[in-house]
Amino acid sequence: MRPSSKARGQWPFTSAAGDGGSEAAGAEQALVRPRGRAVPHFVFRRRGSMFYDEDGNLAHEFYETVVTKNGQKRAKLRRVHKNLIPQGIVKLDSPPHPRGFFCDPL
């Protein structure tokens, strides 16, 4: 069965009293928009997902070779978790303009 508040376009859990469609409940759900300066629609920076190791190499994951000591000449790879430095903030390229003009980010 479909709740009546959903049929009216209201969130079903807006009020505990269950007054059933007050104007105040709809006002609480209104999307808050910043006044004044317009917010840009593009993302120009993000947090990097890669790490630097002690040698300055940049990668998502680092592995080291470990030789087994049970008499066999086999080696295993072990993932390195220590002494890694996060990449930090990465600057992204500006998005292309739909008409081909150069768009300079802020």
PDB file of N, CA and C in Angstrom:
ATOM      1  N   MET A   1       0.834  -1.178   0.000  1.00  0.00           N
ATOM      2  CA  MET A   1       0.000   0.000   0.000  1.00  0.00           C
ATOM      3  C   MET A   1       0.880   1.243   0.000  1.00  0.00           C
ATOM      4  N   ARG A   2       0.528   2.219  -0.749  1.00  0.00           N
ATOM      5  CA  ARG A   2       1.291   3.442  -0.903  1.00  0.00           C
ATOM      6  C   ARG A   2       0.876   4.467   0.153  1.00  0.00           C
ATOM      7  N   PRO A   3       1.846   5.065   0.880  1.00  0.00           N
ATOM      8  CA  PRO A   3       1.473   6.066   1.884  1.00  0.00           C
ATOM      9  C   PRO A   3       0.901   7.310   1.230  1.00  0.00           C
ATOM     10  N   SER A   4      -0.033   7.928   1.929  1.00  0.00           N
ATOM     11  CA  SER A   4      -0.702   9.097   1.365  1.00  0.00           C
ATOM     12  C   SER A   4       0.250  10.282   1.254  1.00  0.00           C
ATOM     13  N   SER A   5       1.244  10.374   2.151  1.00  0.00           N
ATOM     14  CA  SER A   5       2.167  11.504   2.074  1.00  0.00           C
ATOM     15  C   SER A   5       3.024  11.414   0.816  1.00  0.00           C
ATOM     16  N   LYS A   6       3.313  10.181   0.363  1.00  0.00           N
ATOM     17  CA  LYS A   6       4.097  10.005  -0.850  1.00  0.00           C
ATOM     18  C   LYS A   6       3.280  10.407  -2.078  1.00  0.00           C
ATOM     19  N   ALA A   7       1.986  10.157  -2.028  1.00  0.00           N
ATOM     20  CA  ALA A   7       1.123  10.517  -3.145  1.00  0.00           C
ATOM     21  C   ALA A   7       1.051  12.028  -3.316  1.00  0.00           C
ATOM     22  N   ARG A   8       1.157  12.775  -2.209  1.00  0.00           N
ATOM     23  CA  ARG A   8       1.111  14.229  -2.284  1.00  0.00           C
ATOM     24  C   ARG A   8       2.463  14.836  -2.582  1.00  0.00           C
ATOM     25  N   GLY A   9       3.518  14.020  -2.654  1.00  0.00           N
ATOM     26  CA  GLY A   9       4.844  14.549  -2.917  1.00  0.00           C
ATOM     27  C   GLY A   9       5.561  14.995  -1.657  1.00  0.00           C
ATOM     28  N   GLN A  10       5.100  14.582  -0.485  1.00  0.00           N
ATOM     29  CA  GLN A  10       5.710  14.938   0.781  1.00  0.00           C
ATOM     30  C   GLN A  10       6.571  13.786   1.271  1.00  0.00           C
ATOM     31  N   TRP A  11       7.589  14.095   2.032  1.00  0.00           N
ATOM     32  CA  TRP A  11       8.411  13.067   2.654  1.00  0.00           C
ATOM     33  C   TRP A  11       7.591  12.462   3.789  1.00  0.00           C
ATOM     34  N   PRO A  12       7.506  11.137   3.884  1.00  0.00           N
ATOM     35  CA  PRO A  12       6.595  10.540   4.863  1.00  0.00           C
ATOM     36  C   PRO A  12       6.994  10.752   6.321  1.00  0.00           C
ATOM     37  N   PHE A  13       8.233  11.158   6.622  1.00  0.00           N
ATOM     38  CA  PHE A  13       8.672  11.279   8.001  1.00  0.00           C
ATOM     39  C   PHE A  13       8.925  12.718   8.407  1.00  0.00           C
ATOM     40  N   THR A  14       8.212  13.671   7.839  1.00  0.00           N
ATOM     41  CA  THR A  14       8.487  15.075   8.130  1.00  0.00           C
ATOM     42  C   THR A  14       7.997  15.491   9.500  1.00  0.00           C
ATOM     43  N   SER A  15       6.883  14.983   9.977  1.00  0.00           N
ATOM     44  CA  SER A  15       6.379  15.399  11.278  1.00  0.00           C
ATOM     45  C   SER A  15       5.934  14.188  12.071  1.00  0.00           C
ATOM     46  N   ALA A  16       6.181  14.227  13.359  1.00  0.00           N
ATOM     47  CA  ALA A  16       5.799  13.111  14.219  1.00  0.00           C
ATOM     48  C   ALA A  16       4.328  13.189  14.592  1.00  0.00           C
ATOM     49  N   ALA A  17       3.729  14.376  14.533  1.00  0.00           N
ATOM     50  CA  ALA A  17       2.336  14.545  14.931  1.00  0.00           C
ATOM     51  C   ALA A  17       1.390  13.949  13.909  1.00  0.00           C
ATOM     52  N   GLY A  18       1.813  13.850  12.670  1.00  0.00           N
ATOM     53  CA  GLY A  18       0.964  13.268  11.630  1.00  0.00           C
ATOM     54  C   GLY A  18      -0.178  14.170  11.244  1.00  0.00           C
ATOM     55  N   ASP A  19       0.060  15.491  11.201  1.00  0.00           N
ATOM     56  CA  ASP A  19      -1.006  16.412  10.844  1.00  0.00           C
ATOM     57  C   ASP A  19      -1.400  16.298   9.386  1.00  0.00           C
ATOM     58  N   GLY A  20      -0.615  15.584   8.594  1.00  0.00           N
ATOM     59  CA  GLY A  20      -1.031  15.193   7.256  1.00  0.00           C
ATOM     60  C   GLY A  20      -0.913  16.228   6.172  1.00  0.00           C
ATOM     61  N   GLY A  21       0.173  16.902   6.000  1.00  0.00           N
ATOM     62  CA  GLY A  21       0.316  17.776   4.831  1.00  0.00           C
ATOM     63  C   GLY A  21       0.321  19.236   5.173  1.00  0.00           C
ATOM     64  N   SER A  22       0.949  19.601   6.240  1.00  0.00           N
ATOM     65  CA  SER A  22       0.994  21.014   6.586  1.00  0.00           C
ATOM     66  C   SER A  22       1.953  21.747   5.653  1.00  0.00           C
ATOM     67  N   GLU A  23       1.781  23.024   5.547  1.00  0.00           N
ATOM     68  CA  GLU A  23       2.648  23.846   4.711  1.00  0.00           C
ATOM     69  C   GLU A  23       4.051  23.940   5.291  1.00  0.00           C
ATOM     70  N   ALA A  24       4.169  23.854   6.612  1.00  0.00           N
ATOM     71  CA  ALA A  24       5.479  23.956   7.256  1.00  0.00           C
ATOM     72  C   ALA A  24       6.365  22.766   6.900  1.00  0.00           C
ATOM     73  N   ALA A  25       5.786  21.588   6.780  1.00  0.00           N
ATOM     74  CA  ALA A  25       6.570  20.402   6.424  1.00  0.00           C
ATOM     75  C   ALA A  25       7.132  20.545   5.011  1.00  0.00           C
ATOM     76  N   GLY A  26       6.360  21.114   4.114  1.00  0.00           N
ATOM     77  CA  GLY A  26       6.847  21.331   2.756  1.00  0.00           C
ATOM     78  C   GLY A  26       7.924  22.396   2.699  1.00  0.00           C
ATOM     79  N   ALA A  27       7.837  23.391   3.575  1.00  0.00           N
ATOM     80  CA  ALA A  27       8.830  24.459   3.598  1.00  0.00           C
ATOM     81  C   ALA A  27      10.167  23.951   4.122  1.00  0.00           C
ATOM     82  N   GLU A  28      10.144  22.971   5.048  1.00  0.00           N
ATOM     83  CA  GLU A  28      11.389  22.413   5.563  1.00  0.00           C
ATOM     84  C   GLU A  28      12.145  21.663   4.489  1.00  0.00           C
ATOM     85  N   GLN A  29      11.436  21.105   3.530  1.00  0.00           N
ATOM     86  CA  GLN A  29      12.054  20.291   2.493  1.00  0.00           C
ATOM     87  C   GLN A  29      12.570  21.112   1.330  1.00  0.00           C
ATOM     88  N   ALA A  30      12.299  22.391   1.318  1.00  0.00           N
ATOM     89  CA  ALA A  30      12.706  23.229   0.194  1.00  0.00           C
ATOM     90  C   ALA A  30      14.223  23.215   0.059  1.00  0.00           C
ATOM     91  N   LEU A  31      14.680  23.210  -1.152  1.00  0.00           N
ATOM     92  CA  LEU A  31      16.110  23.195  -1.428  1.00  0.00           C
ATOM     93  C   LEU A  31      16.700  24.553  -1.074  1.00  0.00           C
ATOM     94  N   VAL A  32      17.715  24.548  -0.236  1.00  0.00           N
ATOM     95  CA  VAL A  32      18.348  25.789   0.183  1.00  0.00           C
ATOM     96  C   VAL A  32      19.373  26.170  -0.860  1.00  0.00           C
ATOM     97  N   ARG A  33      19.238  27.344  -1.421  1.00  0.00           N
ATOM     98  CA  ARG A  33      20.166  27.844  -2.432  1.00  0.00           C
ATOM     99  C   ARG A  33      20.916  29.039  -1.869  1.00  0.00           C
ATOM    100  N   PRO A  34      22.220  29.111  -2.142  1.00  0.00           N
ATOM    101  CA  PRO A  34      22.982  30.249  -1.621  1.00  0.00           C
ATOM    102  C   PRO A  34      22.571  31.549  -2.308  1.00  0.00           C
ATOM    103  N   ARG A  35      22.563  32.598  -1.533  1.00  0.00           N
ATOM    104  CA  ARG A  35      22.213  33.902  -2.088  1.00  0.00           C
ATOM    105  C   ARG A  35      23.483  34.650  -2.444  1.00  0.00           C
ATOM    106  N   GLY A  36      23.390  35.529  -3.392  1.00  0.00           N
ATOM    107  CA  GLY A  36      24.546  36.333  -3.768  1.00  0.00           C
ATOM    108  C   GLY A  36      25.343  35.690  -4.883  1.00  0.00           C
ATOM    109  N   ARG A  37      26.565  35.268  -4.574  1.00  0.00           N
ATOM    110  CA  ARG A  37      27.481  34.720  -5.568  1.00  0.00           C
ATOM    111  C   ARG A  37      27.000  33.371  -6.096  1.00  0.00           C
ATOM    112  N   ALA A  38      27.097  33.185  -7.386  1.00  0.00           N
ATOM    113  CA  ALA A  38      26.691  31.925  -7.998  1.00  0.00           C
ATOM    114  C   ALA A  38      27.743  30.851  -7.724  1.00  0.00           C
ATOM    115  N   VAL A  39      27.298  29.644  -7.495  1.00  0.00           N
ATOM    116  CA  VAL A  39      28.192  28.524  -7.226  1.00  0.00           C
ATOM    117  C   VAL A  39      28.583  27.887  -8.562  1.00  0.00           C
ATOM    118  N   PRO A  40      29.880  27.660  -8.805  1.00  0.00           N
ATOM    119  CA  PRO A  40      30.273  27.047 -10.080  1.00  0.00           C
ATOM    120  C   PRO A  40      29.780  25.608 -10.171  1.00  0.00           C
ATOM    121  N   HIS A  41      29.495  25.163 -11.368  1.00  0.00           N
ATOM    122  CA  HIS A  41      28.946  23.836 -11.591  1.00  0.00           C
ATOM    123  C   HIS A  41      30.022  22.797 -11.843  1.00  0.00           C
ATOM    124  N   PHE A  42      31.275  23.189 -11.840  1.00  0.00           N
ATOM    125  CA  PHE A  42      32.355  22.270 -12.180  1.00  0.00           C
ATOM    126  C   PHE A  42      33.270  22.058 -10.987  1.00  0.00           C
ATOM    127  N   VAL A  43      33.957  20.931 -10.974  1.00  0.00           N
ATOM    128  CA  VAL A  43      34.935  20.616  -9.937  1.00  0.00           C
ATOM    129  C   VAL A  43      36.320  20.818 -10.545  1.00  0.00           C
ATOM    130  N   PHE A  44      37.141  21.649  -9.908  1.00  0.00           N
ATOM    131  CA  PHE A  44      38.461  21.956 -10.438  1.00  0.00           C
ATOM    132  C   PHE A  44      39.580  21.265  -9.662  1.00  0.00           C
ATOM    133  N   ARG A  45      39.301  20.800  -8.442  1.00  0.00           N
ATOM    134  CA  ARG A  45      40.297  20.115  -7.629  1.00  0.00           C
ATOM    135  C   ARG A  45      39.651  18.914  -6.966  1.00  0.00           C
ATOM    136  N   ARG A  46      40.480  17.895  -6.683  1.00  0.00           N
ATOM    137  CA  ARG A  46      40.003  16.728  -5.957  1.00  0.00           C
ATOM    138  C   ARG A  46      41.160  16.163  -5.153  1.00  0.00           C
ATOM    139  N   ARG A  47      40.838  15.307  -4.210  1.00  0.00           N
ATOM    140  CA  ARG A  47      41.878  14.652  -3.425  1.00  0.00           C
ATOM    141  C   ARG A  47      42.450  13.500  -4.235  1.00  0.00           C
ATOM    142  N   GLY A  48      43.752  13.426  -4.329  1.00  0.00           N
ATOM    143  CA  GLY A  48      44.406  12.378  -5.098  1.00  0.00           C
ATOM    144  C   GLY A  48      44.245  11.021  -4.444  1.00  0.00           C
ATOM    145  N   SER A  49      44.196   9.979  -5.245  1.00  0.00           N
ATOM    146  CA  SER A  49      44.014   8.624  -4.732  1.00  0.00           C
ATOM    147  C   SER A  49      45.309   7.827  -4.770  1.00  0.00           C
ATOM    148  N   MET A  50      46.428   8.472  -5.075  1.00  0.00           N
ATOM    149  CA  MET A  50      47.699   7.777  -5.173  1.00  0.00           C
ATOM    150  C   MET A  50      48.607   8.171  -3.999  1.00  0.00           C
ATOM    151  N   PHE A  51      49.713   7.418  -3.857  1.00  0.00           N
ATOM    152  CA  PHE A  51      50.639   7.631  -2.749  1.00  0.00           C
ATOM    153  C   PHE A  51      52.069   7.680  -3.261  1.00  0.00           C
ATOM    154  N   TYR A  52      52.930   8.398  -2.511  1.00  0.00           N
ATOM    155  CA  TYR A  52      54.370   8.417  -2.765  1.00  0.00           C
ATOM    156  C   TYR A  52      55.037   7.484  -1.770  1.00  0.00           C
ATOM    157  N   ASP A  53      56.064   6.728  -2.223  1.00  0.00           N
ATOM    158  CA  ASP A  53      56.842   5.906  -1.299  1.00  0.00           C
ATOM    159  C   ASP A  53      58.125   6.646  -0.929  1.00  0.00           C
ATOM    160  N   GLU A  54      59.052   5.949  -0.226  1.00  0.00           N
ATOM    161  CA  GLU A  54      60.288   6.604   0.220  1.00  0.00           C
ATOM    162  C   GLU A  54      61.164   7.052  -0.935  1.00  0.00           C
ATOM    163  N   ASP A  55      61.077   6.362  -2.085  1.00  0.00           N
ATOM    164  CA  ASP A  55      61.908   6.694  -3.240  1.00  0.00           C
ATOM    165  C   ASP A  55      61.312   7.795  -4.110  1.00  0.00           C
ATOM    166  N   GLY A  56      60.100   8.229  -3.804  1.00  0.00           N
ATOM    167  CA  GLY A  56      59.455   9.258  -4.602  1.00  0.00           C
ATOM    168  C   GLY A  56      58.613   8.710  -5.733  1.00  0.00           C
ATOM    169  N   ASN A  57      58.396   7.390  -5.775  1.00  0.00           N
ATOM    170  CA  ASN A  57      57.550   6.792  -6.808  1.00  0.00           C
ATOM    171  C   ASN A  57      56.087   7.031  -6.467  1.00  0.00           C
ATOM    172  N   LEU A  58      55.259   7.234  -7.487  1.00  0.00           N
ATOM    173  CA  LEU A  58      53.844   7.512  -7.310  1.00  0.00           C
ATOM    174  C   LEU A  58      53.035   6.351  -7.860  1.00  0.00           C
ATOM    175  N   ALA A  59      52.139   5.780  -7.037  1.00  0.00           N
ATOM    176  CA  ALA A  59      51.310   4.656  -7.488  1.00  0.00           C
ATOM    177  C   ALA A  59      50.120   4.494  -6.549  1.00  0.00           C
ATOM    178  N   HIS A  60      49.147   3.684  -6.982  1.00  0.00           N
ATOM    179  CA  HIS A  60      47.999   3.374  -6.136  1.00  0.00           C
ATOM    180  C   HIS A  60      48.381   2.387  -5.035  1.00  0.00           C
ATOM    181  N   GLU A  61      49.197   1.376  -5.366  1.00  0.00           N
ATOM    182  CA  GLU A  61      49.617   0.355  -4.413  1.00  0.00           C
ATOM    183  C   GLU A  61      51.098   0.075  -4.594  1.00  0.00           C
ATOM    184  N   PHE A  62      51.757  -0.310  -3.504  1.00  0.00           N
ATOM    185  CA  PHE A  62      53.169  -0.678  -3.556  1.00  0.00           C
ATOM    186  C   PHE A  62      53.342  -2.081  -2.993  1.00  0.00           C
ATOM    187  N   TYR A  63      54.222  -2.862  -3.624  1.00  0.00           N
ATOM    188  CA  TYR A  63      54.509  -4.223  -3.196  1.00  0.00           C
ATOM    189  C   TYR A  63      56.017  -4.389  -3.072  1.00  0.00           C
ATOM    190  N   GLU A  64      56.444  -5.246  -2.136  1.00  0.00           N
ATOM    191  CA  GLU A  64      57.849  -5.585  -2.007  1.00  0.00           C
ATOM    192  C   GLU A  64      57.999  -7.095  -2.138  1.00  0.00           C
ATOM    193  N   THR A  65      59.140  -7.521  -2.628  1.00  0.00           N
ATOM    194  CA  THR A  65      59.410  -8.938  -2.841  1.00  0.00           C
ATOM    195  C   THR A  65      59.994  -9.540  -1.573  1.00  0.00           C
ATOM    196  N   VAL A  66      59.409 -10.644  -1.126  1.00  0.00           N
ATOM    197  CA  VAL A  66      59.880 -11.335   0.064  1.00  0.00           C
ATOM    198  C   VAL A  66      60.264 -12.749  -0.357  1.00  0.00           C
ATOM    199  N   VAL A  67      61.518 -13.144  -0.099  1.00  0.00           N
ATOM    200  CA  VAL A  67      62.001 -14.479  -0.445  1.00  0.00           C
ATOM    201  C   VAL A  67      61.632 -15.433   0.678  1.00  0.00           C
ATOM    202  N   THR A  68      61.039 -16.578   0.323  1.00  0.00           N
ATOM    203  CA  THR A  68      60.656 -17.557   1.343  1.00  0.00           C
ATOM    204  C   THR A  68      61.890 -18.261   1.885  1.00  0.00           C
ATOM    205  N   LYS A  69      61.850 -18.651   3.143  1.00  0.00           N
ATOM    206  CA  LYS A  69      63.017 -19.233   3.806  1.00  0.00           C
ATOM    207  C   LYS A  69      62.862 -20.739   4.035  1.00  0.00           C
ATOM    208  N   ASN A  70      61.960 -21.375   3.322  1.00  0.00           N
ATOM    209  CA  ASN A  70      61.748 -22.800   3.558  1.00  0.00           C
ATOM    210  C   ASN A  70      62.540 -23.673   2.582  1.00  0.00           C
ATOM    211  N   GLY A  71      63.626 -23.176   2.049  1.00  0.00           N
ATOM    212  CA  GLY A  71      64.475 -23.962   1.172  1.00  0.00           C
ATOM    213  C   GLY A  71      64.135 -23.831  -0.298  1.00  0.00           C
ATOM    214  N   GLN A  72      62.994 -23.287  -0.619  1.00  0.00           N
ATOM    215  CA  GLN A  72      62.613 -23.119  -2.023  1.00  0.00           C
ATOM    216  C   GLN A  72      63.087 -21.756  -2.508  1.00  0.00           C
ATOM    217  N   LYS A  73      63.326 -21.679  -3.791  1.00  0.00           N
ATOM    218  CA  LYS A  73      63.743 -20.396  -4.373  1.00  0.00           C
ATOM    219  C   LYS A  73      62.525 -19.689  -4.968  1.00  0.00           C
ATOM    220  N   ARG A  74      61.538 -19.467  -4.117  1.00  0.00           N
ATOM    221  CA  ARG A  74      60.337 -18.767  -4.547  1.00  0.00           C
ATOM    222  C   ARG A  74      60.265 -17.423  -3.838  1.00  0.00           C
ATOM    223  N   ALA A  75      59.608 -16.506  -4.460  1.00  0.00           N
ATOM    224  CA  ALA A  75      59.439 -15.180  -3.877  1.00  0.00           C
ATOM    225  C   ALA A  75      57.957 -14.848  -3.850  1.00  0.00           C
ATOM    226  N   LYS A  76      57.565 -14.109  -2.834  1.00  0.00           N
ATOM    227  CA  LYS A  76      56.181 -13.660  -2.708  1.00  0.00           C
ATOM    228  C   LYS A  76      56.163 -12.137  -2.701  1.00  0.00           C
ATOM    229  N   LEU A  77      55.040 -11.584  -3.109  1.00  0.00           N
ATOM    230  CA  LEU A  77      54.850 -10.138  -3.058  1.00  0.00           C
ATOM    231  C   LEU A  77      54.030  -9.796  -1.825  1.00  0.00           C
ATOM    232  N   ARG A  78      54.499  -8.809  -1.080  1.00  0.00           N
ATOM    233  CA  ARG A  78      53.784  -8.347   0.103  1.00  0.00           C
ATOM    234  C   ARG A  78      53.470  -6.873  -0.079  1.00  0.00           C
ATOM    235  N   ARG A  79      52.239  -6.503   0.208  1.00  0.00           N
ATOM    236  CA  ARG A  79      51.814  -5.121   0.031  1.00  0.00           C
ATOM    237  C   ARG A  79      52.404  -4.238   1.130  1.00  0.00           C
ATOM    238  N   VAL A  80      52.886  -3.068   0.740  1.00  0.00           N
ATOM    239  CA  VAL A  80      53.500  -2.119   1.666  1.00  0.00           C
ATOM    240  C   VAL A  80      52.423  -1.144   2.136  1.00  0.00           C
ATOM    241  N   HIS A  81      52.303  -0.973   3.467  1.00  0.00           N
ATOM    242  CA  HIS A  81      51.337  -0.039   4.043  1.00  0.00           C
ATOM    243  C   HIS A  81      52.014   1.103   4.795  1.00  0.00           C
ATOM    244  N   LYS A  82      53.283   0.932   5.160  1.00  0.00           N
ATOM    245  CA  LYS A  82      53.961   1.928   5.983  1.00  0.00           C
ATOM    246  C   LYS A  82      54.790   2.883   5.117  1.00  0.00           C
ATOM    247  N   ASN A  83      55.028   4.065   5.657  1.00  0.00           N
ATOM    248  CA  ASN A  83      55.869   5.097   5.037  1.00  0.00           C
ATOM    249  C   ASN A  83      55.345   5.541   3.667  1.00  0.00           C
ATOM    250  N   LEU A  84      54.035   5.586   3.493  1.00  0.00           N
ATOM    251  CA  LEU A  84      53.445   6.095   2.262  1.00  0.00           C
ATOM    252  C   LEU A  84      52.867   7.474   2.528  1.00  0.00           C
ATOM    253  N   ILE A  85      53.087   8.398   1.605  1.00  0.00           N
ATOM    254  CA  ILE A  85      52.623   9.775   1.736  1.00  0.00           C
ATOM    255  C   ILE A  85      51.503   9.997   0.726  1.00  0.00           C
ATOM    256  N   PRO A  86      50.331  10.486   1.158  1.00  0.00           N
ATOM    257  CA  PRO A  86      49.235  10.748   0.215  1.00  0.00           C
ATOM    258  C   PRO A  86      49.623  11.799  -0.822  1.00  0.00           C
ATOM    259  N   GLN A  87      49.040  11.674  -1.991  1.00  0.00           N
ATOM    260  CA  GLN A  87      49.359  12.581  -3.098  1.00  0.00           C
ATOM    261  C   GLN A  87      48.903  14.003  -2.799  1.00  0.00           C
ATOM    262  N   GLY A  88      47.784  14.169  -2.127  1.00  0.00           N
ATOM    263  CA  GLY A  88      47.276  15.500  -1.805  1.00  0.00           C
ATOM    264  C   GLY A  88      46.221  15.951  -2.803  1.00  0.00           C
ATOM    265  N   ILE A  89      46.088  17.251  -2.958  1.00  0.00           N
ATOM    266  CA  ILE A  89      45.089  17.837  -3.846  1.00  0.00           C
ATOM    267  C   ILE A  89      45.603  17.835  -5.282  1.00  0.00           C
ATOM    268  N   VAL A  90      44.766  17.351  -6.200  1.00  0.00           N
ATOM    269  CA  VAL A  90      45.130  17.271  -7.612  1.00  0.00           C
ATOM    270  C   VAL A  90      44.280  18.277  -8.381  1.00  0.00           C
ATOM    271  N   LYS A  91      44.919  19.110  -9.184  1.00  0.00           N
ATOM    272  CA  LYS A  91      44.205  20.076 -10.010  1.00  0.00           C
ATOM    273  C   LYS A  91      43.730  19.379 -11.278  1.00  0.00           C
ATOM    274  N   LEU A  92      42.458  19.520 -11.581  1.00  0.00           N
ATOM    275  CA  LEU A  92      41.873  18.891 -12.763  1.00  0.00           C
ATOM    276  C   LEU A  92      41.882  19.855 -13.942  1.00  0.00           C
ATOM    277  N   ASP A  93      41.818  19.318 -15.141  1.00  0.00           N
ATOM    278  CA  ASP A  93      41.733  20.148 -16.340  1.00  0.00           C
ATOM    279  C   ASP A  93      40.375  20.837 -16.376  1.00  0.00           C
ATOM    280  N   SER A  94      40.331  22.011 -16.986  1.00  0.00           N
ATOM    281  CA  SER A  94      39.052  22.703 -17.103  1.00  0.00           C
ATOM    282  C   SER A  94      38.177  21.957 -18.106  1.00  0.00           C
ATOM    283  N   PRO A  95      36.874  21.925 -17.873  1.00  0.00           N
ATOM    284  CA  PRO A  95      35.988  21.217 -18.802  1.00  0.00           C
ATOM    285  C   PRO A  95      35.912  21.945 -20.136  1.00  0.00           C
ATOM    286  N   PRO A  96      35.732  21.218 -21.227  1.00  0.00           N
ATOM    287  CA  PRO A  96      35.636  21.876 -22.531  1.00  0.00           C
ATOM    288  C   PRO A  96      34.339  22.667 -22.652  1.00  0.00           C
ATOM    289  N   HIS A  97      34.439  23.795 -23.315  1.00  0.00           N
ATOM    290  CA  HIS A  97      33.251  24.610 -23.552  1.00  0.00           C
ATOM    291  C   HIS A  97      32.435  23.957 -24.662  1.00  0.00           C
ATOM    292  N   PRO A  98      31.104  23.971 -24.559  1.00  0.00           N
ATOM    293  CA  PRO A  98      30.293  23.280 -25.567  1.00  0.00           C
ATOM    294  C   PRO A  98      30.445  23.825 -26.985  1.00  0.00           C
ATOM    295  N   ARG A  99      30.841  25.081 -27.116  1.00  0.00           N
ATOM    296  CA  ARG A  99      30.977  25.663 -28.455  1.00  0.00           C
ATOM    297  C   ARG A  99      32.423  25.743 -28.910  1.00  0.00           C
ATOM    298  N   GLY A 100      33.344  25.214 -28.121  1.00  0.00           N
ATOM    299  CA  GLY A 100      34.737  25.180 -28.533  1.00  0.00           C
ATOM    300  C   GLY A 100      35.566  26.365 -28.078  1.00  0.00           C
ATOM    301  N   PHE A 101      34.998  27.295 -27.308  1.00  0.00           N
ATOM    302  CA  PHE A 101      35.760  28.424 -26.808  1.00  0.00           C
ATOM    303  C   PHE A 101      36.568  27.996 -25.600  1.00  0.00           C
ATOM    304  N   PHE A 102      37.646  28.712 -25.343  1.00  0.00           N
ATOM    305  CA  PHE A 102      38.476  28.388 -24.187  1.00  0.00           C
ATOM    306  C   PHE A 102      37.787  28.893 -22.934  1.00  0.00           C
ATOM    307  N   CYS A 103      37.666  28.029 -21.928  1.00  0.00           N
ATOM    308  CA  CYS A 103      37.031  28.377 -20.665  1.00  0.00           C
ATOM    309  C   CYS A 103      38.087  28.389 -19.584  1.00  0.00           C
ATOM    310  N   ASP A 104      38.372  29.554 -19.012  1.00  0.00           N
ATOM    311  CA  ASP A 104      39.402  29.690 -18.002  1.00  0.00           C
ATOM    312  C   ASP A 104      38.777  29.530 -16.623  1.00  0.00           C
ATOM    313  N   PRO A 105      39.221  28.531 -15.807  1.00  0.00           N
ATOM    314  CA  PRO A 105      38.647  28.349 -14.475  1.00  0.00           C
ATOM    315  C   PRO A 105      39.103  29.446 -13.530  1.00  0.00           C
ATOM    316  N   LEU A 106      38.414  29.548 -12.408  1.00  0.00           N
ATOM    317  CA  LEU A 106      38.741  30.575 -11.419  1.00  0.00           C
ATOM    318  C   LEU A 106      40.048  30.329 -10.793  1.00  0.00           C
TER     319      LEU A 106
END
